[in-house]
Amino acid sequence: MKVNAYEIVIEIDGVKSCINLDDLYPAIKDWHTATEFAMMMAREANPDAIQIDFLECGEYELEGYEHIPYIHEAPFQVQ
């Protein structure tokens, strides 16, 4: 099964940070939703931040899942 991974680079109050995600997360379908998810995570983790900027997003195929024919989508649930 093809699994896409995303490396989102953001800047939080002038400090660069990298968030790595993949499309096994229920909310992530493509680079755009991965970027939105990363920005929300950054805002949640840094509530006192004055400025959070998106810098770039890299997309690549995640290795290690090729031998698995199907991965069931996880249900989206807030705990």
C-alpha atoms as a PDB file:
ATOM      1  CA  MET A   1       0.000   0.000   0.000  1.00  0.00           C
ATOM      2  CA  LYS A   2       1.284   3.463  -0.854  1.00  0.00           C
ATOM      3  CA  VAL A   3       1.591   5.753   2.173  1.00  0.00           C
ATOM      4  CA  ASN A   4       2.500   9.392   1.606  1.00  0.00           C
ATOM      5  CA  ALA A   5       4.525  11.260   4.202  1.00  0.00           C
ATOM      6  CA  TYR A   6       4.766  15.020   4.612  1.00  0.00           C
ATOM      7  CA  GLU A   7       7.516  17.131   6.111  1.00  0.00           C
ATOM      8  CA  ILE A   8       6.047  20.505   7.007  1.00  0.00           C
ATOM      9  CA  VAL A   9       8.461  23.282   7.958  1.00  0.00           C
ATOM     10  CA  ILE A  10       7.006  26.131   9.974  1.00  0.00           C
ATOM     11  CA  GLU A  11       8.396  29.075  11.877  1.00  0.00           C
ATOM     12  CA  ILE A  12       7.154  29.804  15.397  1.00  0.00           C
ATOM     13  CA  ASP A  13       8.116  33.283  16.552  1.00  0.00           C
ATOM     14  CA  GLY A  14      11.227  33.212  14.368  1.00  0.00           C
ATOM     15  CA  VAL A  15      12.300  29.634  15.249  1.00  0.00           C
ATOM     16  CA  LYS A  16      12.080  26.992  12.519  1.00  0.00           C
ATOM     17  CA  SER A  17      10.362  23.735  13.360  1.00  0.00           C
ATOM     18  CA  CYS A  18       9.663  20.588  11.341  1.00  0.00           C
ATOM     19  CA  ILE A  19       6.519  18.476  11.722  1.00  0.00           C
ATOM     20  CA  ASN A  20       6.450  15.022  10.127  1.00  0.00           C
ATOM     21  CA  LEU A  21       3.063  13.522   9.294  1.00  0.00           C
ATOM     22  CA  ASP A  22       1.687  10.814   7.028  1.00  0.00           C
ATOM     23  CA  ASP A  23      -1.660  10.063   5.451  1.00  0.00           C
ATOM     24  CA  LEU A  24      -2.427   7.300   7.949  1.00  0.00           C
ATOM     25  CA  TYR A  25      -3.798  10.096  10.155  1.00  0.00           C
ATOM     26  CA  PRO A  26      -7.575  10.204   9.525  1.00  0.00           C
ATOM     27  CA  ALA A  27      -7.598  13.967   8.859  1.00  0.00           C
ATOM     28  CA  ILE A  28      -4.773  13.899   6.285  1.00  0.00           C
ATOM     29  CA  LYS A  29      -5.582  13.223   2.636  1.00  0.00           C
ATOM     30  CA  ASP A  30      -2.973  15.322   0.777  1.00  0.00           C
ATOM     31  CA  TRP A  31      -0.299  17.993   1.280  1.00  0.00           C
ATOM     32  CA  HIS A  32      -2.902  20.707   1.862  1.00  0.00           C
ATOM     33  CA  THR A  33      -4.692  18.902   4.700  1.00  0.00           C
ATOM     34  CA  ALA A  34      -1.312  17.875   6.166  1.00  0.00           C
ATOM     35  CA  THR A  35      -0.262  21.528   6.223  1.00  0.00           C
ATOM     36  CA  GLU A  36      -3.514  22.624   7.860  1.00  0.00           C
ATOM     37  CA  PHE A  37      -3.179  19.845  10.456  1.00  0.00           C
ATOM     38  CA  ALA A  38       0.433  20.845  11.221  1.00  0.00           C
ATOM     39  CA  MET A  39      -0.536  24.494  11.643  1.00  0.00           C
ATOM     40  CA  MET A  40      -3.341  23.544  14.045  1.00  0.00           C
ATOM     41  CA  MET A  41      -0.944  21.302  15.989  1.00  0.00           C
ATOM     42  CA  ALA A  42       1.595  24.118  16.234  1.00  0.00           C
ATOM     43  CA  ARG A  43      -1.049  26.558  17.469  1.00  0.00           C
ATOM     44  CA  GLU A  44      -2.273  24.026  20.062  1.00  0.00           C
ATOM     45  CA  ALA A  45       1.253  23.239  21.271  1.00  0.00           C
ATOM     46  CA  ASN A  46       2.270  26.926  21.374  1.00  0.00           C
ATOM     47  CA  PRO A  47      -0.779  28.901  22.549  1.00  0.00           C
ATOM     48  CA  ASP A  48       1.352  31.923  23.517  1.00  0.00           C
ATOM     49  CA  ALA A  49       3.072  32.179  20.123  1.00  0.00           C
ATOM     50  CA  ILE A  50       2.627  35.544  18.446  1.00  0.00           C
ATOM     51  CA  GLN A  51       3.354  34.413  14.891  1.00  0.00           C
ATOM     52  CA  ILE A  52       3.291  30.970  13.252  1.00  0.00           C
ATOM     53  CA  ASP A  53       4.278  30.925   9.573  1.00  0.00           C
ATOM     54  CA  PHE A  54       4.184  28.125   7.013  1.00  0.00           C
ATOM     55  CA  LEU A  55       7.497  27.822   5.143  1.00  0.00           C
ATOM     56  CA  GLU A  56       7.360  24.657   3.039  1.00  0.00           C
ATOM     57  CA  CYS A  57       5.921  21.176   2.668  1.00  0.00           C
ATOM     58  CA  GLY A  58       7.764  18.185   1.265  1.00  0.00           C
ATOM     59  CA  GLU A  59       5.862  15.102   0.108  1.00  0.00           C
ATOM     60  CA  TYR A  60       7.383  11.660  -0.356  1.00  0.00           C
ATOM     61  CA  GLU A  61       6.366   8.018  -0.340  1.00  0.00           C
ATOM     62  CA  LEU A  62       6.904   6.413   3.051  1.00  0.00           C
ATOM     63  CA  GLU A  63       8.877   3.174   2.880  1.00  0.00           C
ATOM     64  CA  GLY A  64       8.033   0.102   4.915  1.00  0.00           C
ATOM     65  CA  TYR A  65       4.390  -0.337   3.960  1.00  0.00           C
ATOM     66  CA  GLU A  66       4.863  -1.816   0.471  1.00  0.00           C
ATOM     67  CA  HIS A  67       4.293  -5.390   1.637  1.00  0.00           C
ATOM     68  CA  ILE A  68       0.953  -4.566   3.325  1.00  0.00           C
ATOM     69  CA  PRO A  69      -1.875  -4.809   0.774  1.00  0.00           C
ATOM     70  CA  TYR A  70      -4.408  -2.715   2.727  1.00  0.00           C
ATOM     71  CA  ILE A  71      -4.470  -0.578   5.868  1.00  0.00           C
ATOM     72  CA  HIS A  72      -7.910   0.206   7.229  1.00  0.00           C
ATOM     73  CA  GLU A  73      -8.531   3.892   7.834  1.00  0.00           C
ATOM     74  CA  ALA A  74      -8.569   4.773  11.528  1.00  0.00           C
ATOM     75  CA  PRO A  75     -11.770   6.383  12.799  1.00  0.00           C
ATOM     76  CA  PHE A  76     -11.545  10.081  13.576  1.00  0.00           C
ATOM     77  CA  GLN A  77     -12.197  10.542  17.267  1.00  0.00           C
ATOM     78  CA  VAL A  78     -11.431  13.338  19.699  1.00  0.00           C
ATOM     79  CA  GLN A  79     -10.440  12.134  23.146  1.00  0.00           C
END
